[in-house]
Amino acid sequence: MKKSKYFYDYTRNTDSPVVDERVPNYYIGNNGYEARKVVSGFDLTYNVGTAVTYLLRSSRKHTTPNECIRKAIAHLQFELEKLDEQYSK
């Protein structure tokens, strides 16, 4: 993903990641990385990125990870359907 010409990486001169306090803790790993930044860093599609965020938070948001894992699987199914449609033409 190409960054805007107005993009300024305000974390580049810090030793530790800067955490946005508006982001819930279950989206931030023990290493300080935010799920959305991981997804963005890998240029994932919407469905794959959403699945990744569900998996990353799965054991942190709820008492059991089942719901988040089901949602991740659903988004991976959506991505497979999109790919099947795209490559079957």
C-alpha atoms as a PDB file:
ATOM      1  CA  MET A   1       0.000   0.000   0.000  1.00  0.00           C
ATOM      2  CA  LYS A   2       1.431   3.357  -1.043  1.00  0.00           C
ATOM      3  CA  LYS A   3       1.612   5.896   1.742  1.00  0.00           C
ATOM      4  CA  SER A   4       0.218   9.373   1.253  1.00  0.00           C
ATOM      5  CA  LYS A   5       2.726  12.128   0.539  1.00  0.00           C
ATOM      6  CA  TYR A   6       1.501  13.645   3.829  1.00  0.00           C
ATOM      7  CA  PHE A   7       2.346  10.501   5.822  1.00  0.00           C
ATOM      8  CA  TYR A   8       4.724  11.124   8.701  1.00  0.00           C
ATOM      9  CA  ASP A   9       5.960   8.190  10.722  1.00  0.00           C
ATOM     10  CA  TYR A  10       5.968   9.703  14.194  1.00  0.00           C
ATOM     11  CA  THR A  11       7.286   6.445  15.688  1.00  0.00           C
ATOM     12  CA  ARG A  12      10.530   6.368  13.702  1.00  0.00           C
ATOM     13  CA  ASN A  13      12.598   8.171  16.341  1.00  0.00           C
ATOM     14  CA  THR A  14      11.338   6.226  19.346  1.00  0.00           C
ATOM     15  CA  ASP A  15      12.761   3.083  20.886  1.00  0.00           C
ATOM     16  CA  SER A  16       9.395   1.508  21.593  1.00  0.00           C
ATOM     17  CA  PRO A  17       6.168   1.466  19.610  1.00  0.00           C
ATOM     18  CA  VAL A  18       3.796   4.353  20.264  1.00  0.00           C
ATOM     19  CA  VAL A  19       0.425   2.985  21.283  1.00  0.00           C
ATOM     20  CA  ASP A  20      -2.762   4.808  20.391  1.00  0.00           C
ATOM     21  CA  GLU A  21      -4.765   4.957  23.620  1.00  0.00           C
ATOM     22  CA  ARG A  22      -8.028   4.724  21.656  1.00  0.00           C
ATOM     23  CA  VAL A  23      -7.128   1.180  20.567  1.00  0.00           C
ATOM     24  CA  PRO A  24      -8.503  -1.538  22.884  1.00  0.00           C
ATOM     25  CA  ASN A  25      -5.852  -3.644  24.641  1.00  0.00           C
ATOM     26  CA  TYR A  26      -6.997  -6.851  22.959  1.00  0.00           C
ATOM     27  CA  TYR A  27      -5.729  -5.451  19.624  1.00  0.00           C
ATOM     28  CA  ILE A  28      -2.231  -4.834  21.006  1.00  0.00           C
ATOM     29  CA  GLY A  29       0.208  -7.719  21.395  1.00  0.00           C
ATOM     30  CA  ASN A  30       2.668  -8.258  24.209  1.00  0.00           C
ATOM     31  CA  ASN A  31       5.330  -6.763  21.932  1.00  0.00           C
ATOM     32  CA  GLY A  32       3.359  -3.520  21.495  1.00  0.00           C
ATOM     33  CA  TYR A  33       2.310  -4.147  17.895  1.00  0.00           C
ATOM     34  CA  GLU A  34      -1.235  -3.249  16.935  1.00  0.00           C
ATOM     35  CA  ALA A  35      -3.211  -5.704  14.816  1.00  0.00           C
ATOM     36  CA  ARG A  36      -4.161  -3.024  12.269  1.00  0.00           C
ATOM     37  CA  LYS A  37      -0.520  -2.058  11.767  1.00  0.00           C
ATOM     38  CA  VAL A  38       0.466  -5.683  11.227  1.00  0.00           C
ATOM     39  CA  VAL A  39      -2.284  -6.050   8.622  1.00  0.00           C
ATOM     40  CA  SER A  40      -1.261  -2.806   6.950  1.00  0.00           C
ATOM     41  CA  GLY A  41       2.408  -3.788   6.962  1.00  0.00           C
ATOM     42  CA  PHE A  42       1.646  -6.934   4.995  1.00  0.00           C
ATOM     43  CA  ASP A  43      -0.778  -5.224   2.547  1.00  0.00           C
ATOM     44  CA  LEU A  44      -3.451  -7.839   3.221  1.00  0.00           C
ATOM     45  CA  THR A  45      -6.833  -7.784   1.529  1.00  0.00           C
ATOM     46  CA  TYR A  46      -9.832  -6.741   3.592  1.00  0.00           C
ATOM     47  CA  ASN A  47     -11.044 -10.288   4.250  1.00  0.00           C
ATOM     48  CA  VAL A  48      -7.611 -11.725   5.064  1.00  0.00           C
ATOM     49  CA  GLY A  49      -6.753  -8.714   7.220  1.00  0.00           C
ATOM     50  CA  THR A  50     -10.007  -9.016   9.126  1.00  0.00           C
ATOM     51  CA  ALA A  51      -9.385 -12.724   9.666  1.00  0.00           C
ATOM     52  CA  VAL A  52      -5.907 -11.964  10.999  1.00  0.00           C
ATOM     53  CA  THR A  53      -7.222  -9.367  13.442  1.00  0.00           C
ATOM     54  CA  TYR A  54      -9.866 -11.804  14.693  1.00  0.00           C
ATOM     55  CA  LEU A  55      -7.186 -14.444  15.213  1.00  0.00           C
ATOM     56  CA  LEU A  56      -4.800 -12.058  16.937  1.00  0.00           C
ATOM     57  CA  ARG A  57      -7.436 -10.960  19.441  1.00  0.00           C
ATOM     58  CA  SER A  58      -9.140 -14.366  19.783  1.00  0.00           C
ATOM     59  CA  SER A  59      -7.701 -15.311  23.156  1.00  0.00           C
ATOM     60  CA  ARG A  60      -7.712 -11.765  24.513  1.00  0.00           C
ATOM     61  CA  LYS A  61     -11.210 -10.361  23.986  1.00  0.00           C
ATOM     62  CA  HIS A  62     -13.495 -13.162  25.163  1.00  0.00           C
ATOM     63  CA  THR A  63     -13.196 -15.943  27.721  1.00  0.00           C
ATOM     64  CA  THR A  64     -13.075 -18.475  24.887  1.00  0.00           C
ATOM     65  CA  PRO A  65     -11.627 -17.830  21.428  1.00  0.00           C
ATOM     66  CA  ASN A  66     -14.392 -19.741  19.602  1.00  0.00           C
ATOM     67  CA  GLU A  67     -16.409 -16.755  18.378  1.00  0.00           C
ATOM     68  CA  CYS A  68     -13.403 -14.888  16.989  1.00  0.00           C
ATOM     69  CA  ILE A  69     -12.059 -18.014  15.290  1.00  0.00           C
ATOM     70  CA  ARG A  70     -15.456 -18.634  13.654  1.00  0.00           C
ATOM     71  CA  LYS A  71     -15.485 -15.057  12.372  1.00  0.00           C
ATOM     72  CA  ALA A  72     -11.943 -15.454  11.026  1.00  0.00           C
ATOM     73  CA  ILE A  73     -12.946 -18.632   9.205  1.00  0.00           C
ATOM     74  CA  ALA A  74     -15.971 -16.860   7.721  1.00  0.00           C
ATOM     75  CA  HIS A  75     -13.783 -14.059   6.364  1.00  0.00           C
ATOM     76  CA  LEU A  76     -11.333 -16.566   4.899  1.00  0.00           C
ATOM     77  CA  GLN A  77     -14.295 -18.260   3.202  1.00  0.00           C
ATOM     78  CA  PHE A  78     -15.338 -14.881   1.772  1.00  0.00           C
ATOM     79  CA  GLU A  79     -11.804 -14.428   0.414  1.00  0.00           C
ATOM     80  CA  LEU A  80     -11.814 -17.899  -1.140  1.00  0.00           C
ATOM     81  CA  GLU A  81     -15.145 -17.181  -2.820  1.00  0.00           C
ATOM     82  CA  LYS A  82     -13.779 -13.925  -4.195  1.00  0.00           C
ATOM     83  CA  LEU A  83     -10.648 -15.650  -5.496  1.00  0.00           C
ATOM     84  CA  ASP A  84     -12.639 -18.517  -7.017  1.00  0.00           C
ATOM     85  CA  GLU A  85     -14.814 -16.008  -8.841  1.00  0.00           C
ATOM     86  CA  GLN A  86     -11.821 -13.952  -9.958  1.00  0.00           C
ATOM     87  CA  TYR A  87      -9.809 -16.887 -11.328  1.00  0.00           C
ATOM     88  CA  SER A  88     -12.646 -18.891 -12.822  1.00  0.00           C
ATOM     89  CA  LYS A  89     -13.281 -16.303 -15.523  1.00  0.00           C
END
